[in-house]
Amino acid sequence: MNENWESIYTTPMPHRAELAKALLAEHEIPAVVVNRQSSSYPTLGLGKSEVHVLAKDAILAKVILENEATFS
């Protein structure tokens, strides 16, 4: 990621990050999931998944997740 992308949501559960990405897509906000899970011990679930959006969309994306996400 470069400086044009910003992390707006972090979770230890990768499926929640994917749900957040899908919710943002419904609002036409491009998002990507960055998986920071440990590849050494994948079954332990060590690490986190992050949702990144363009910096210009970050505030709106956070508001959408706060107001519409039911998985938090």
C-alpha atoms as a PDB file:
ATOM      1  CA  MET A   1       0.000   0.000   0.000  1.00  0.00           C
ATOM      2  CA  ASN A   2       1.176   3.491  -0.652  1.00  0.00           C
ATOM      3  CA  GLU A   3       0.272   6.705   1.131  1.00  0.00           C
ATOM      4  CA  ASN A   4      -2.955   7.073  -0.873  1.00  0.00           C
ATOM      5  CA  TRP A   5      -4.551   4.184   1.039  1.00  0.00           C
ATOM      6  CA  GLU A   6      -5.589   4.238   4.680  1.00  0.00           C
ATOM      7  CA  SER A   7      -6.478   1.464   7.093  1.00  0.00           C
ATOM      8  CA  ILE A   8      -9.996   2.062   8.415  1.00  0.00           C
ATOM      9  CA  TYR A   9     -10.920  -1.250  10.032  1.00  0.00           C
ATOM     10  CA  THR A  10      -8.886  -3.952  11.768  1.00  0.00           C
ATOM     11  CA  THR A  11     -10.102  -7.328  12.982  1.00  0.00           C
ATOM     12  CA  PRO A  12      -8.634 -10.678  13.975  1.00  0.00           C
ATOM     13  CA  MET A  13     -11.432 -12.330  11.942  1.00  0.00           C
ATOM     14  CA  PRO A  14     -10.745 -12.279   8.169  1.00  0.00           C
ATOM     15  CA  HIS A  15     -14.413 -12.894   7.280  1.00  0.00           C
ATOM     16  CA  ARG A  16     -15.405  -9.657   9.020  1.00  0.00           C
ATOM     17  CA  ALA A  17     -12.886  -7.734   6.947  1.00  0.00           C
ATOM     18  CA  GLU A  18     -14.419  -9.250   3.797  1.00  0.00           C
ATOM     19  CA  LEU A  19     -17.913  -8.281   4.998  1.00  0.00           C
ATOM     20  CA  ALA A  20     -16.720  -4.712   5.578  1.00  0.00           C
ATOM     21  CA  LYS A  21     -15.215  -4.636   2.090  1.00  0.00           C
ATOM     22  CA  ALA A  22     -18.499  -5.853   0.590  1.00  0.00           C
ATOM     23  CA  LEU A  23     -20.506  -3.246   2.507  1.00  0.00           C
ATOM     24  CA  LEU A  24     -18.228  -0.493   1.235  1.00  0.00           C
ATOM     25  CA  ALA A  25     -18.546  -1.832  -2.324  1.00  0.00           C
ATOM     26  CA  GLU A  26     -22.329  -1.436  -2.016  1.00  0.00           C
ATOM     27  CA  HIS A  27     -21.625   2.272  -1.463  1.00  0.00           C
ATOM     28  CA  GLU A  28     -19.206   2.344  -4.418  1.00  0.00           C
ATOM     29  CA  ILE A  29     -16.152   2.784  -2.194  1.00  0.00           C
ATOM     30  CA  PRO A  30     -13.210   0.704  -3.420  1.00  0.00           C
ATOM     31  CA  ALA A  31     -11.592  -1.261  -0.623  1.00  0.00           C
ATOM     32  CA  VAL A  32      -8.957  -3.948  -0.229  1.00  0.00           C
ATOM     33  CA  VAL A  33      -8.312  -6.427   2.558  1.00  0.00           C
ATOM     34  CA  VAL A  34      -4.743  -6.731   3.773  1.00  0.00           C
ATOM     35  CA  ASN A  35      -4.186 -10.056   5.522  1.00  0.00           C
ATOM     36  CA  ARG A  36      -1.610  -9.756   8.280  1.00  0.00           C
ATOM     37  CA  GLN A  37      -2.289 -13.249   9.666  1.00  0.00           C
ATOM     38  CA  SER A  38       0.760 -15.282  10.600  1.00  0.00           C
ATOM     39  CA  SER A  39       1.570 -17.782   7.870  1.00  0.00           C
ATOM     40  CA  SER A  40       3.706 -19.744  10.348  1.00  0.00           C
ATOM     41  CA  TYR A  41       0.738 -20.710  12.515  1.00  0.00           C
ATOM     42  CA  PRO A  42      -2.422 -20.186  10.422  1.00  0.00           C
ATOM     43  CA  THR A  43      -4.647 -22.380  12.607  1.00  0.00           C
ATOM     44  CA  LEU A  44      -3.938 -20.229  15.658  1.00  0.00           C
ATOM     45  CA  GLY A  45      -5.325 -17.140  13.959  1.00  0.00           C
ATOM     46  CA  LEU A  46      -2.439 -14.960  15.036  1.00  0.00           C
ATOM     47  CA  GLY A  47      -2.506 -11.520  13.480  1.00  0.00           C
ATOM     48  CA  LYS A  48      -5.195  -9.406  11.936  1.00  0.00           C
ATOM     49  CA  SER A  49      -6.895  -8.399   8.730  1.00  0.00           C
ATOM     50  CA  GLU A  50      -7.171  -4.755   7.752  1.00  0.00           C
ATOM     51  CA  VAL A  51      -9.548  -2.973   5.388  1.00  0.00           C
ATOM     52  CA  HIS A  52      -7.911  -0.182   3.417  1.00  0.00           C
ATOM     53  CA  VAL A  53      -9.620   2.514   1.345  1.00  0.00           C
ATOM     54  CA  LEU A  54      -8.358   5.493  -0.581  1.00  0.00           C
ATOM     55  CA  ALA A  55      -7.513   8.315   1.819  1.00  0.00           C
ATOM     56  CA  LYS A  56     -10.143  10.550   0.193  1.00  0.00           C
ATOM     57  CA  ASP A  57     -12.849   7.982   1.099  1.00  0.00           C
ATOM     58  CA  ALA A  58     -11.644   7.176   4.624  1.00  0.00           C
ATOM     59  CA  ILE A  59     -13.994   9.385   6.637  1.00  0.00           C
ATOM     60  CA  LEU A  60     -17.104   8.321   4.727  1.00  0.00           C
ATOM     61  CA  ALA A  61     -16.050   4.660   4.881  1.00  0.00           C
ATOM     62  CA  LYS A  62     -15.620   4.821   8.665  1.00  0.00           C
ATOM     63  CA  VAL A  63     -19.049   6.416   9.064  1.00  0.00           C
ATOM     64  CA  ILE A  64     -20.648   3.732   6.893  1.00  0.00           C
ATOM     65  CA  LEU A  65     -19.020   0.937   8.905  1.00  0.00           C
ATOM     66  CA  GLU A  66     -19.987   2.557  12.228  1.00  0.00           C
ATOM     67  CA  ASN A  67     -23.609   3.066  11.201  1.00  0.00           C
ATOM     68  CA  GLU A  68     -24.381   0.080   8.993  1.00  0.00           C
ATOM     69  CA  ALA A  69     -22.087  -2.794   9.956  1.00  0.00           C
ATOM     70  CA  THR A  70     -23.792  -5.370  12.166  1.00  0.00           C
ATOM     71  CA  PHE A  71     -20.765  -7.641  12.588  1.00  0.00           C
ATOM     72  CA  SER A  72     -18.700  -5.371  14.884  1.00  0.00           C
END
